[in-house]
Protein backbone atom coordinates (compact mmCIF):
# COMPACT_ATOMS: atom_id res chain seq x y z
CA UNK A 1 -101.87 52.49 45.45
CA UNK A 2 -104.40 49.76 44.73
CA UNK A 3 -103.59 46.08 44.44
CA UNK A 4 -105.87 43.27 43.36
CA UNK A 5 -105.94 39.51 43.05
CA UNK A 6 -108.31 36.83 41.85
CA UNK A 7 -109.83 34.37 44.27
CA UNK A 8 -112.40 31.77 43.23
CA UNK A 9 -113.45 33.93 40.30
CA UNK A 10 -113.88 36.97 42.54
CA UNK A 11 -111.63 40.01 42.71
CA UNK A 12 -110.01 40.79 46.02
CA UNK A 13 -108.52 44.27 46.09
CA UNK A 14 -107.16 46.73 48.57
CA UNK A 15 -106.58 50.44 48.20
CA UNK A 16 -103.34 50.45 50.20
CA UNK A 17 -101.37 48.54 52.83
CA UNK A 18 -103.57 49.80 55.66
CA UNK A 19 -106.62 48.47 53.81
CA UNK A 20 -104.89 45.08 53.54
CA UNK A 21 -104.18 45.19 57.28
CA UNK A 22 -107.86 45.79 58.05
CA UNK A 23 -109.03 43.03 55.70
CA UNK A 24 -106.46 40.59 57.07
CA UNK A 25 -107.48 41.34 60.64
CA UNK A 26 -111.17 40.90 59.90
CA UNK A 27 -110.87 37.77 57.76
CA UNK A 28 -108.40 36.17 60.18
CA UNK A 29 -110.58 36.79 63.24
CA UNK A 30 -112.23 33.67 64.65
CA UNK A 31 -114.87 35.82 66.33
CA UNK A 32 -116.14 39.00 64.72
CA UNK A 33 -117.90 41.20 67.21
CA UNK A 34 -120.28 43.88 66.06
CA UNK A 35 -119.60 47.44 67.04
CA UNK A 36 -121.87 50.33 67.76
CA UNK A 37 -122.75 51.00 64.10
CA UNK A 38 -124.12 47.62 63.01
CA UNK A 39 -124.29 47.28 59.23
CA UNK A 40 -122.77 50.67 58.55
CA UNK A 41 -119.07 49.84 58.51
CA UNK A 42 -116.83 48.84 55.64
CA UNK A 43 -116.34 45.40 57.20
CA UNK A 44 -120.06 44.81 57.64
CA UNK A 45 -120.54 45.44 53.93
CA UNK A 46 -117.95 42.94 52.73
CA UNK A 47 -119.39 40.28 50.42
CA UNK A 48 -120.42 36.97 51.99
CA UNK A 49 -117.77 34.96 50.11
CA UNK A 50 -115.09 37.13 51.71
CA UNK A 51 -116.49 36.66 55.22
CA UNK A 52 -117.08 32.90 54.91
CA UNK A 53 -114.88 30.88 57.28
CA UNK A 54 -114.48 28.13 54.69
CA UNK A 55 -112.47 30.53 52.50
CA UNK A 56 -110.39 32.02 55.32
CA UNK A 57 -107.09 30.26 54.55
CA UNK A 58 -107.28 30.97 50.83
CA UNK A 59 -108.22 34.62 51.37
CA UNK A 60 -105.38 35.14 53.85
CA UNK A 61 -102.96 33.55 51.37
CA UNK A 62 -104.20 35.93 48.65
CA UNK A 63 -103.83 38.90 51.00
CA UNK A 64 -100.24 37.78 51.61
CA UNK A 65 -99.58 37.70 47.86
CA UNK A 66 -101.10 41.16 47.46
CA UNK A 67 -98.96 42.46 50.31
CA UNK A 68 -95.84 40.99 48.69
CA UNK A 69 -96.68 42.72 45.41
CA UNK A 70 -96.78 46.19 46.98
CA UNK A 71 -93.82 48.44 46.22
CA UNK A 72 -91.39 48.82 49.10
């Protein structure tokens, strides 16, 4: 079940709760280490506005709202 929210004129969406978990973990990380497949992962292909540290708090807040909107 997909969920979406607006953030600074951009759409932040997640396919399911697991997808939200992955996004939250990546956005919330202070240090993002590259794995074996540089540039070929879902997280490496996220848009720059989503990976920018200056938006971290706002993105995490939006992820929280999306999580709260998921059916129980």
